Amino acid sequence: ERAFLLIGGLTLIYPGLSTDIIGFGLLFSVGVVQMLRRRRAPI
């Protein structure tokens, strides 16, 4: 998840449609996984 966040963040900072799609995809996947985990163990 940490790797996805770093790579996704970098690709989103670099302007461009292809990099934006990759970045959004990586961050979205981490966000979904974290939301599911948080529902199981509220913090």
ModelCIF file with pLDDT and N, C-alpha, C, O atoms, coordinates in Angstrom:
data_MODEL
#
_entry.id   MODEL 
#
_entity.id                         1 
_entity.type                       polymer 
_entity.pdbx_number_of_molecules   1 
#
_entity_poly.entity_id                      1 
_entity_poly.type                           'polypeptide(L)' 
_entity_poly.nstd_linkage                   no 
_entity_poly.nstd_monomer                   no 
_entity_poly.pdbx_seq_one_letter_code       ERAFLLIGGLTLIYPGLSTDIIGFGLLFSVGVVQMLRRRRAPI 
_entity_poly.pdbx_seq_one_letter_code_can   ERAFLLIGGLTLIYPGLSTDIIGFGLLFSVGVVQMLRRRRAPI 
_entity_poly.pdbx_strand_id                 A 
#
loop_
_entity_poly_seq.entity_id 
_entity_poly_seq.num 
_entity_poly_seq.mon_id 
_entity_poly_seq.hetero 
1 1  GLU n 
1 2  ARG n 
1 3  ALA n 
1 4  PHE n 
1 5  LEU n 
1 6  LEU n 
1 7  ILE n 
1 8  GLY n 
1 9  GLY n 
1 10 LEU n 
1 11 THR n 
1 12 LEU n 
1 13 ILE n 
1 14 TYR n 
1 15 PRO n 
1 16 GLY n 
1 17 LEU n 
1 18 SER n 
1 19 THR n 
1 20 ASP n 
1 21 ILE n 
1 22 ILE n 
1 23 GLY n 
1 24 PHE n 
1 25 GLY n 
1 26 LEU n 
1 27 LEU n 
1 28 PHE n 
1 29 SER n 
1 30 VAL n 
1 31 GLY n 
1 32 VAL n 
1 33 VAL n 
1 34 GLN n 
1 35 MET n 
1 36 LEU n 
1 37 ARG n 
1 38 ARG n 
1 39 ARG n 
1 40 ARG n 
1 41 ALA n 
1 42 PRO n 
1 43 ILE n 
#
_struct_asym.id          A 
_struct_asym.entity_id   1 
#
loop_
_ma_qa_metric.id 
_ma_qa_metric.mode 
_ma_qa_metric.name 
_ma_qa_metric.software_group_id 
_ma_qa_metric.type 
1 global pLDDT . pLDDT 
2 local  pLDDT . pLDDT 
#
_ma_qa_metric_global.metric_id      1 
_ma_qa_metric_global.metric_value   87.44 
_ma_qa_metric_global.model_id       1 
_ma_qa_metric_global.ordinal_id     1 
#
loop_
_ma_qa_metric_local.label_asym_id 
_ma_qa_metric_local.label_comp_id 
_ma_qa_metric_local.label_seq_id 
_ma_qa_metric_local.metric_id 
_ma_qa_metric_local.metric_value 
_ma_qa_metric_local.model_id 
_ma_qa_metric_local.ordinal_id 
A GLU 1  2 92.00 1 1  
A ARG 2  2 91.00 1 2  
A ALA 3  2 93.00 1 3  
A PHE 4  2 94.00 1 4  
A LEU 5  2 93.00 1 5  
A LEU 6  2 93.00 1 6  
A ILE 7  2 94.00 1 7  
A GLY 8  2 93.00 1 8  
A GLY 9  2 92.00 1 9  
A LEU 10 2 92.00 1 10 
A THR 11 2 92.00 1 11 
A LEU 12 2 91.00 1 12 
A ILE 13 2 88.00 1 13 
A TYR 14 2 83.00 1 14 
A PRO 15 2 75.00 1 15 
A GLY 16 2 80.00 1 16 
A LEU 17 2 85.00 1 17 
A SER 18 2 89.00 1 18 
A THR 19 2 90.00 1 19 
A ASP 20 2 91.00 1 20 
A ILE 21 2 93.00 1 21 
A ILE 22 2 94.00 1 22 
A GLY 23 2 93.00 1 23 
A PHE 24 2 94.00 1 24 
A GLY 25 2 94.00 1 25 
A LEU 26 2 94.00 1 26 
A LEU 27 2 94.00 1 27 
A PHE 28 2 94.00 1 28 
A SER 29 2 94.00 1 29 
A VAL 30 2 93.00 1 30 
A GLY 31 2 91.00 1 31 
A VAL 32 2 92.00 1 32 
A VAL 33 2 92.00 1 33 
A GLN 34 2 90.00 1 34 
A MET 35 2 89.00 1 35 
A LEU 36 2 88.00 1 36 
A ARG 37 2 86.00 1 37 
A ARG 38 2 81.00 1 38 
A ARG 39 2 80.00 1 39 
A ARG 40 2 75.00 1 40 
A ALA 41 2 65.00 1 41 
A PRO 42 2 55.00 1 42 
A ILE 43 2 48.00 1 43 
#
loop_
_atom_site.group_PDB 
_atom_site.id 
_atom_site.type_symbol 
_atom_site.label_atom_id 
_atom_site.label_alt_id 
_atom_site.label_comp_id 
_atom_site.label_asym_id 
_atom_site.label_entity_id 
_atom_site.label_seq_id 
_atom_site.pdbx_PDB_ins_code 
_atom_site.Cartn_x 
_atom_site.Cartn_y 
_atom_site.Cartn_z 
_atom_site.occupancy 
_atom_site.B_iso_or_equiv 
_atom_site.pdbx_formal_charge 
_atom_site.auth_seq_id 
_atom_site.auth_comp_id 
_atom_site.auth_asym_id 
_atom_site.auth_atom_id 
_atom_site.pdbx_PDB_model_num 
ATOM 1   N N  . GLU A 1 1  ? 0.841   -1.201 0.000   1.00 92.00 ? 1  GLU A N  1 
ATOM 2   C CA . GLU A 1 1  ? 0.000   0.000  0.000   1.00 92.00 ? 1  GLU A CA 1 
ATOM 3   C C  . GLU A 1 1  ? 0.879   1.257  0.000   1.00 92.00 ? 1  GLU A C  1 
ATOM 4   O O  . GLU A 1 1  ? 0.596   2.238  -0.688  1.00 92.00 ? 1  GLU A O  1 
ATOM 5   N N  . ARG A 1 2  ? 1.926   1.195  0.774   1.00 91.00 ? 2  ARG A N  1 
ATOM 6   C CA . ARG A 1 2  ? 2.845   2.340  0.828   1.00 91.00 ? 2  ARG A CA 1 
ATOM 7   C C  . ARG A 1 2  ? 3.482   2.577  -0.541  1.00 91.00 ? 2  ARG A C  1 
ATOM 8   O O  . ARG A 1 2  ? 3.596   3.717  -0.992  1.00 91.00 ? 2  ARG A O  1 
ATOM 9   N N  . ALA A 1 3  ? 3.893   1.499  -1.194  1.00 93.00 ? 3  ALA A N  1 
ATOM 10  C CA . ALA A 1 3  ? 4.488   1.621  -2.529  1.00 93.00 ? 3  ALA A CA 1 
ATOM 11  C C  . ALA A 1 3  ? 3.485   2.196  -3.523  1.00 93.00 ? 3  ALA A C  1 
ATOM 12  O O  . ALA A 1 3  ? 3.830   3.052  -4.338  1.00 93.00 ? 3  ALA A O  1 
ATOM 13  N N  . PHE A 1 4  ? 2.234   1.720  -3.451  1.00 94.00 ? 4  PHE A N  1 
ATOM 14  C CA . PHE A 1 4  ? 1.191   2.224  -4.348  1.00 94.00 ? 4  PHE A CA 1 
ATOM 15  C C  . PHE A 1 4  ? 0.939   3.718  -4.112  1.00 94.00 ? 4  PHE A C  1 
ATOM 16  O O  . PHE A 1 4  ? 0.745   4.479  -5.060  1.00 94.00 ? 4  PHE A O  1 
ATOM 17  N N  . LEU A 1 5  ? 0.943   4.128  -2.840  1.00 93.00 ? 5  LEU A N  1 
ATOM 18  C CA . LEU A 1 5  ? 0.709   5.535  -2.524  1.00 93.00 ? 5  LEU A CA 1 
ATOM 19  C C  . LEU A 1 5  ? 1.830   6.419  -3.091  1.00 93.00 ? 5  LEU A C  1 
ATOM 20  O O  . LEU A 1 5  ? 1.566   7.474  -3.666  1.00 93.00 ? 5  LEU A O  1 
ATOM 21  N N  . LEU A 1 6  ? 3.065   5.980  -2.924  1.00 93.00 ? 6  LEU A N  1 
ATOM 22  C CA . LEU A 1 6  ? 4.202   6.767  -3.410  1.00 93.00 ? 6  LEU A CA 1 
ATOM 23  C C  . LEU A 1 6  ? 4.216   6.842  -4.937  1.00 93.00 ? 6  LEU A C  1 
ATOM 24  O O  . LEU A 1 6  ? 4.378   7.920  -5.510  1.00 93.00 ? 6  LEU A O  1 
ATOM 25  N N  . ILE A 1 7  ? 4.047   5.710  -5.582  1.00 94.00 ? 7  ILE A N  1 
ATOM 26  C CA . ILE A 1 7  ? 4.057   5.683  -7.052  1.00 94.00 ? 7  ILE A CA 1 
ATOM 27  C C  . ILE A 1 7  ? 2.849   6.434  -7.609  1.00 94.00 ? 7  ILE A C  1 
ATOM 28  O O  . ILE A 1 7  ? 2.976   7.218  -8.550  1.00 94.00 ? 7  ILE A O  1 
ATOM 29  N N  . GLY A 1 8  ? 1.681   6.190  -7.022  1.00 93.00 ? 8  GLY A N  1 
ATOM 30  C CA . GLY A 1 8  ? 0.473   6.876  -7.478  1.00 93.00 ? 8  GLY A CA 1 
ATOM 31  C C  . GLY A 1 8  ? 0.566   8.378  -7.290  1.00 93.00 ? 8  GLY A C  1 
ATOM 32  O O  . GLY A 1 8  ? 0.132   9.146  -8.149  1.00 93.00 ? 8  GLY A O  1 
ATOM 33  N N  . GLY A 1 9  ? 1.138   8.801  -6.151  1.00 92.00 ? 9  GLY A N  1 
ATOM 34  C CA . GLY A 1 9  ? 1.305   10.231 -5.903  1.00 92.00 ? 9  GLY A CA 1 
ATOM 35  C C  . GLY A 1 9  ? 2.231   10.882 -6.921  1.00 92.00 ? 9  GLY A C  1 
ATOM 36  O O  . GLY A 1 9  ? 1.951   11.972 -7.420  1.00 92.00 ? 9  GLY A O  1 
ATOM 37  N N  . LEU A 1 10 ? 3.335   10.208 -7.224  1.00 92.00 ? 10 LEU A N  1 
ATOM 38  C CA . LEU A 1 10 ? 4.288   10.745 -8.201  1.00 92.00 ? 10 LEU A CA 1 
ATOM 39  C C  . LEU A 1 10 ? 3.661   10.876 -9.582  1.00 92.00 ? 10 LEU A C  1 
ATOM 40  O O  . LEU A 1 10 ? 3.840   11.892 -10.253 1.00 92.00 ? 10 LEU A O  1 
ATOM 41  N N  . THR A 1 11 ? 2.935   9.865  -10.002 1.00 92.00 ? 11 THR A N  1 
ATOM 42  C CA . THR A 1 11 ? 2.333   9.907  -11.343 1.00 92.00 ? 11 THR A CA 1 
ATOM 43  C C  . THR A 1 11 ? 1.229   10.952 -11.443 1.00 92.00 ? 11 THR A C  1 
ATOM 44  O O  . THR A 1 11 ? 0.980   11.486 -12.524 1.00 92.00 ? 11 THR A O  1 
ATOM 45  N N  . LEU A 1 12 ? 0.569   11.248 -10.333 1.00 91.00 ? 12 LEU A N  1 
ATOM 46  C CA . LEU A 1 12 ? -0.467  12.283 -10.353 1.00 91.00 ? 12 LEU A CA 1 
ATOM 47  C C  . LEU A 1 12 ? 0.141   13.686 -10.385 1.00 91.00 ? 12 LEU A C  1 
ATOM 48  O O  . LEU A 1 12 ? -0.423  14.592 -10.999 1.00 91.00 ? 12 LEU A O  1 
ATOM 49  N N  . ILE A 1 13 ? 1.288   13.867 -9.726  1.00 88.00 ? 13 ILE A N  1 
ATOM 50  C CA . ILE A 1 13 ? 1.930   15.185 -9.750  1.00 88.00 ? 13 ILE A CA 1 
ATOM 51  C C  . ILE A 1 13 ? 2.417   15.507 -11.154 1.00 88.00 ? 13 ILE A C  1 
ATOM 52  O O  . ILE A 1 13 ? 2.364   16.656 -11.592 1.00 88.00 ? 13 ILE A O  1 
ATOM 53  N N  . TYR A 1 14 ? 2.897   14.470 -11.866 1.00 83.00 ? 14 TYR A N  1 
ATOM 54  C CA . TYR A 1 14 ? 3.344   14.690 -13.245 1.00 83.00 ? 14 TYR A CA 1 
ATOM 55  C C  . TYR A 1 14 ? 2.120   14.810 -14.151 1.00 83.00 ? 14 TYR A C  1 
ATOM 56  O O  . TYR A 1 14 ? 1.401   13.828 -14.333 1.00 83.00 ? 14 TYR A O  1 
ATOM 57  N N  . PRO A 1 15 ? 1.864   16.000 -14.727 1.00 75.00 ? 15 PRO A N  1 
ATOM 58  C CA . PRO A 1 15 ? 0.650   16.179 -15.535 1.00 75.00 ? 15 PRO A CA 1 
ATOM 59  C C  . PRO A 1 15 ? 0.685   15.340 -16.815 1.00 75.00 ? 15 PRO A C  1 
ATOM 60  O O  . PRO A 1 15 ? 1.701   15.283 -17.506 1.00 75.00 ? 15 PRO A O  1 
ATOM 61  N N  . GLY A 1 16 ? -0.426  14.700 -17.113 1.00 80.00 ? 16 GLY A N  1 
ATOM 62  C CA . GLY A 1 16 ? -0.534  13.866 -18.306 1.00 80.00 ? 16 GLY A CA 1 
ATOM 63  C C  . GLY A 1 16 ? -1.658  12.859 -18.115 1.00 80.00 ? 16 GLY A C  1 
ATOM 64  O O  . GLY A 1 16 ? -1.821  12.332 -17.015 1.00 80.00 ? 16 GLY A O  1 
ATOM 65  N N  . LEU A 1 17 ? -2.426  12.580 -19.139 1.00 85.00 ? 17 LEU A N  1 
ATOM 66  C CA . LEU A 1 17 ? -3.597  11.726 -19.014 1.00 85.00 ? 17 LEU A CA 1 
ATOM 67  C C  . LEU A 1 17 ? -3.224  10.308 -18.590 1.00 85.00 ? 17 LEU A C  1 
ATOM 68  O O  . LEU A 1 17 ? -3.851  9.751  -17.689 1.00 85.00 ? 17 LEU A O  1 
ATOM 69  N N  . SER A 1 18 ? -2.213  9.717  -19.225 1.00 89.00 ? 18 SER A N  1 
ATOM 70  C CA . SER A 1 18 ? -1.839  8.337  -18.909 1.00 89.00 ? 18 SER A CA 1 
ATOM 71  C C  . SER A 1 18 ? -1.336  8.217  -17.480 1.00 89.00 ? 18 SER A C  1 
ATOM 72  O O  . SER A 1 18 ? -1.697  7.282  -16.765 1.00 89.00 ? 18 SER A O  1 
ATOM 73  N N  . THR A 1 19 ? -0.498  9.171  -17.060 1.00 90.00 ? 19 THR A N  1 
ATOM 74  C CA . THR A 1 19 ? 0.015   9.113  -15.684 1.00 90.00 ? 19 THR A CA 1 
ATOM 75  C C  . THR A 1 19 ? -1.098  9.374  -14.671 1.00 90.00 ? 19 THR A C  1 
ATOM 76  O O  . THR A 1 19 ? -1.098  8.790  -13.588 1.00 90.00 ? 19 THR A O  1 
ATOM 77  N N  . ASP A 1 20 ? -2.044  10.245 -15.016 1.00 91.00 ? 20 ASP A N  1 
ATOM 78  C CA . ASP A 1 20 ? -3.162  10.521 -14.114 1.00 91.00 ? 20 ASP A CA 1 
ATOM 79  C C  . ASP A 1 20 ? -4.032  9.265  -13.921 1.00 91.00 ? 20 ASP A C  1 
ATOM 80  O O  . ASP A 1 20 ? -4.471  8.976  -12.808 1.00 91.00 ? 20 ASP A O  1 
ATOM 81  N N  . ILE A 1 21 ? -4.272  8.534  -14.998 1.00 93.00 ? 21 ILE A N  1 
ATOM 82  C CA . ILE A 1 21 ? -5.078  7.305  -14.901 1.00 93.00 ? 21 ILE A CA 1 
ATOM 83  C C  . ILE A 1 21 ? -4.387  6.283  -14.010 1.00 93.00 ? 21 ILE A C  1 
ATOM 84  O O  . ILE A 1 21 ? -5.028  5.648  -13.173 1.00 93.00 ? 21 ILE A O  1 
ATOM 85  N N  . ILE A 1 22 ? -3.072  6.124  -14.193 1.00 94.00 ? 22 ILE A N  1 
ATOM 86  C CA . ILE A 1 22 ? -2.309  5.182  -13.359 1.00 94.00 ? 22 ILE A CA 1 
ATOM 87  C C  . ILE A 1 22 ? -2.366  5.616  -11.899 1.00 94.00 ? 22 ILE A C  1 
ATOM 88  O O  . ILE A 1 22 ? -2.602  4.801  -11.007 1.00 94.00 ? 22 ILE A O  1 
ATOM 89  N N  . GLY A 1 23 ? -2.147  6.914  -11.664 1.00 93.00 ? 23 GLY A N  1 
ATOM 90  C CA . GLY A 1 23 ? -2.137  7.426  -10.297 1.00 93.00 ? 23 GLY A CA 1 
ATOM 91  C C  . GLY A 1 23 ? -3.463  7.259  -9.594  1.00 93.00 ? 23 GLY A C  1 
ATOM 92  O O  . GLY A 1 23 ? -3.519  6.787  -8.459  1.00 93.00 ? 23 GLY A O  1 
ATOM 93  N N  . PHE A 1 24 ? -4.538  7.649  -10.274 1.00 94.00 ? 24 PHE A N  1 
ATOM 94  C CA . PHE A 1 24 ? -5.869  7.497  -9.684  1.00 94.00 ? 24 PHE A CA 1 
ATOM 95  C C  . PHE A 1 24 ? -6.171  6.029  -9.384  1.00 94.00 ? 24 PHE A C  1 
ATOM 96  O O  . PHE A 1 24 ? -6.753  5.707  -8.348  1.00 94.00 ? 24 PHE A O  1 
ATOM 97  N N  . GLY A 1 25 ? -5.771  5.145  -10.298 1.00 94.00 ? 25 GLY A N  1 
ATOM 98  C CA . GLY A 1 25 ? -6.023  3.719  -10.102 1.00 94.00 ? 25 GLY A CA 1 
ATOM 99  C C  . GLY A 1 25 ? -5.319  3.180  -8.871  1.00 94.00 ? 25 GLY A C  1 
ATOM 100 O O  . GLY A 1 25 ? -5.913  2.444  -8.084  1.00 94.00 ? 25 GLY A O  1 
ATOM 101 N N  . LEU A 1 26 ? -4.041  3.547  -8.701  1.00 94.00 ? 26 LEU A N  1 
ATOM 102 C CA . LEU A 1 26 ? -3.259  3.067  -7.553  1.00 94.00 ? 26 LEU A CA 1 
ATOM 103 C C  . LEU A 1 26 ? -3.813  3.617  -6.240  1.00 94.00 ? 26 LEU A C  1 
ATOM 104 O O  . LEU A 1 26 ? -3.961  2.876  -5.268  1.00 94.00 ? 26 LEU A O  1 
ATOM 105 N N  . LEU A 1 27 ? -4.117  4.911  -6.211  1.00 94.00 ? 27 LEU A N  1 
ATOM 106 C CA . LEU A 1 27 ? -4.632  5.507  -4.968  1.00 94.00 ? 27 LEU A CA 1 
ATOM 107 C C  . LEU A 1 27 ? -6.023  4.993  -4.645  1.00 94.00 ? 27 LEU A C  1 
ATOM 108 O O  . LEU A 1 27 ? -6.348  4.773  -3.478  1.00 94.00 ? 27 LEU A O  1 
ATOM 109 N N  . PHE A 1 28 ? -6.843  4.801  -5.663  1.00 94.00 ? 28 PHE A N  1 
ATOM 110 C CA . PHE A 1 28 ? -8.202  4.296  -5.440  1.00 94.00 ? 28 PHE A CA 1 
ATOM 111 C C  . PHE A 1 28 ? -8.154  2.885  -4.846  1.00 94.00 ? 28 PHE A C  1 
ATOM 112 O O  . PHE A 1 28 ? -8.912  2.572  -3.928  1.00 94.00 ? 28 PHE A O  1 
ATOM 113 N N  . SER A 1 29 ? -7.273  2.042  -5.361  1.00 94.00 ? 29 SER A N  1 
ATOM 114 C CA . SER A 1 29 ? -7.180  0.665  -4.854  1.00 94.00 ? 29 SER A CA 1 
ATOM 115 C C  . SER A 1 29 ? -6.756  0.650  -3.392  1.00 94.00 ? 29 SER A C  1 
ATOM 116 O O  . SER A 1 29 ? -7.280  -0.129 -2.596  1.00 94.00 ? 29 SER A O  1 
ATOM 117 N N  . VAL A 1 30 ? -5.799  1.521  -3.037  1.00 93.00 ? 30 VAL A N  1 
ATOM 118 C CA . VAL A 1 30 ? -5.365  1.605  -1.633  1.00 93.00 ? 30 VAL A CA 1 
ATOM 119 C C  . VAL A 1 30 ? -6.507  2.124  -0.766  1.00 93.00 ? 30 VAL A C  1 
ATOM 120 O O  . VAL A 1 30 ? -6.738  1.610  0.328   1.00 93.00 ? 30 VAL A O  1 
ATOM 121 N N  . GLY A 1 31 ? -7.221  3.142  -1.250  1.00 91.00 ? 31 GLY A N  1 
ATOM 122 C CA . GLY A 1 31 ? -8.325  3.709  -0.477  1.00 91.00 ? 31 GLY A CA 1 
ATOM 123 C C  . GLY A 1 31 ? -9.412  2.696  -0.200  1.00 91.00 ? 31 GLY A C  1 
ATOM 124 O O  . GLY A 1 31 ? -9.935  2.639  0.913   1.00 91.00 ? 31 GLY A O  1 
ATOM 125 N N  . VAL A 1 32 ? -9.766  1.885  -1.202  1.00 92.00 ? 32 VAL A N  1 
ATOM 126 C CA . VAL A 1 32 ? -10.811 0.867  -1.026  1.00 92.00 ? 32 VAL A CA 1 
ATOM 127 C C  . VAL A 1 32 ? -10.378 -0.161 0.005   1.00 92.00 ? 32 VAL A C  1 
ATOM 128 O O  . VAL A 1 32 ? -11.146 -0.501 0.905   1.00 92.00 ? 32 VAL A O  1 
ATOM 129 N N  . VAL A 1 33 ? -9.149  -0.659 -0.121  1.00 92.00 ? 33 VAL A N  1 
ATOM 130 C CA . VAL A 1 33 ? -8.638  -1.672 0.813   1.00 92.00 ? 33 VAL A CA 1 
ATOM 131 C C  . VAL A 1 33 ? -8.620  -1.124 2.237   1.00 92.00 ? 33 VAL A C  1 
ATOM 132 O O  . VAL A 1 33 ? -8.971  -1.826 3.185   1.00 92.00 ? 33 VAL A O  1 
ATOM 133 N N  . GLN A 1 34 ? -8.204  0.146  2.380   1.00 90.00 ? 34 GLN A N  1 
ATOM 134 C CA . GLN A 1 34 ? -8.125  0.737  3.722   1.00 90.00 ? 34 GLN A CA 1 
ATOM 135 C C  . GLN A 1 34 ? -9.517  0.956  4.316   1.00 90.00 ? 34 GLN A C  1 
ATOM 136 O O  . GLN A 1 34 ? -9.704  0.788  5.521   1.00 90.00 ? 34 GLN A O  1 
ATOM 137 N N  . MET A 1 35 ? -10.485 1.326  3.494   1.00 89.00 ? 35 MET A N  1 
ATOM 138 C CA . MET A 1 35 ? -11.858 1.501  3.989   1.00 89.00 ? 35 MET A CA 1 
ATOM 139 C C  . MET A 1 35 ? -12.431 0.184  4.490   1.00 89.00 ? 35 MET A C  1 
ATOM 140 O O  . MET A 1 35 ? -13.093 0.143  5.526   1.00 89.00 ? 35 MET A O  1 
ATOM 141 N N  . LEU A 1 36 ? -12.174 -0.894 3.753   1.00 88.00 ? 36 LEU A N  1 
ATOM 142 C CA . LEU A 1 36 ? -12.650 -2.218 4.176   1.00 88.00 ? 36 LEU A CA 1 
ATOM 143 C C  . LEU A 1 36 ? -11.978 -2.647 5.470   1.00 88.00 ? 36 LEU A C  1 
ATOM 144 O O  . LEU A 1 36 ? -12.629 -3.178 6.370   1.00 88.00 ? 36 LEU A O  1 
ATOM 145 N N  . ARG A 1 37 ? -10.685 -2.416 5.559   1.00 86.00 ? 37 ARG A N  1 
ATOM 146 C CA . ARG A 1 37 ? -9.950  -2.791 6.775   1.00 86.00 ? 37 ARG A CA 1 
ATOM 147 C C  . ARG A 1 37 ? -10.435 -1.976 7.969   1.00 86.00 ? 37 ARG A C  1 
ATOM 148 O O  . ARG A 1 37 ? -10.544 -2.489 9.083   1.00 86.00 ? 37 ARG A O  1 
ATOM 149 N N  . ARG A 1 38 ? -10.722 -0.708 7.724   1.00 81.00 ? 38 ARG A N  1 
ATOM 150 C CA . ARG A 1 38 ? -11.150 0.168  8.810   1.00 81.00 ? 38 ARG A CA 1 
ATOM 151 C C  . ARG A 1 38 ? -12.539 -0.216 9.317   1.00 81.00 ? 38 ARG A C  1 
ATOM 152 O O  . ARG A 1 38 ? -12.829 -0.062 10.504  1.00 81.00 ? 38 ARG A O  1 
ATOM 153 N N  . ARG A 1 39 ? -13.389 -0.708 8.436   1.00 80.00 ? 39 ARG A N  1 
ATOM 154 C CA . ARG A 1 39 ? -14.720 -1.157 8.865   1.00 80.00 ? 39 ARG A CA 1 
ATOM 155 C C  . ARG A 1 39 ? -14.612 -2.382 9.761   1.00 80.00 ? 39 ARG A C  1 
ATOM 156 O O  . ARG A 1 39 ? -15.398 -2.572 10.689  1.00 80.00 ? 39 ARG A O  1 
ATOM 157 N N  . ARG A 1 40 ? -13.626 -3.200 9.457   1.00 75.00 ? 40 ARG A N  1 
ATOM 158 C CA . ARG A 1 40 ? -13.441 -4.394 10.290  1.00 75.00 ? 40 ARG A CA 1 
ATOM 159 C C  . ARG A 1 40 ? -12.834 -4.046 11.643  1.00 75.00 ? 40 ARG A C  1 
ATOM 160 O O  . ARG A 1 40 ? -13.132 -4.688 12.651  1.00 75.00 ? 40 ARG A O  1 
ATOM 161 N N  . ALA A 1 41 ? -11.979 -3.023 11.659  1.00 65.00 ? 41 ALA A N  1 
ATOM 162 C CA . ALA A 1 41 ? -11.318 -2.628 12.911  1.00 65.00 ? 41 ALA A CA 1 
ATOM 163 C C  . ALA A 1 41 ? -11.350 -1.108 13.005  1.00 65.00 ? 41 ALA A C  1 
ATOM 164 O O  . ALA A 1 41 ? -10.366 -0.465 12.639  1.00 65.00 ? 41 ALA A O  1 
ATOM 165 N N  . PRO A 1 42 ? -12.454 -0.498 13.487  1.00 55.00 ? 42 PRO A N  1 
ATOM 166 C CA . PRO A 1 42 ? -12.609 0.963  13.531  1.00 55.00 ? 42 PRO A CA 1 
ATOM 167 C C  . PRO A 1 42 ? -11.491 1.625  14.331  1.00 55.00 ? 42 PRO A C  1 
ATOM 168 O O  . PRO A 1 42 ? -11.073 1.142  15.383  1.00 55.00 ? 42 PRO A O  1 
ATOM 169 N N  . ILE A 1 43 ? -11.025 2.747  13.792  1.00 48.00 ? 43 ILE A N  1 
ATOM 170 C CA . ILE A 1 43 ? -9.979  3.510  14.460  1.00 48.00 ? 43 ILE A CA 1 
ATOM 171 C C  . ILE A 1 43 ? -10.446 4.954  14.590  1.00 48.00 ? 43 ILE A C  1 
ATOM 172 O O  . ILE A 1 43 ? -9.720  5.791  15.127  1.00 48.00 ? 43 ILE A O  1 
#
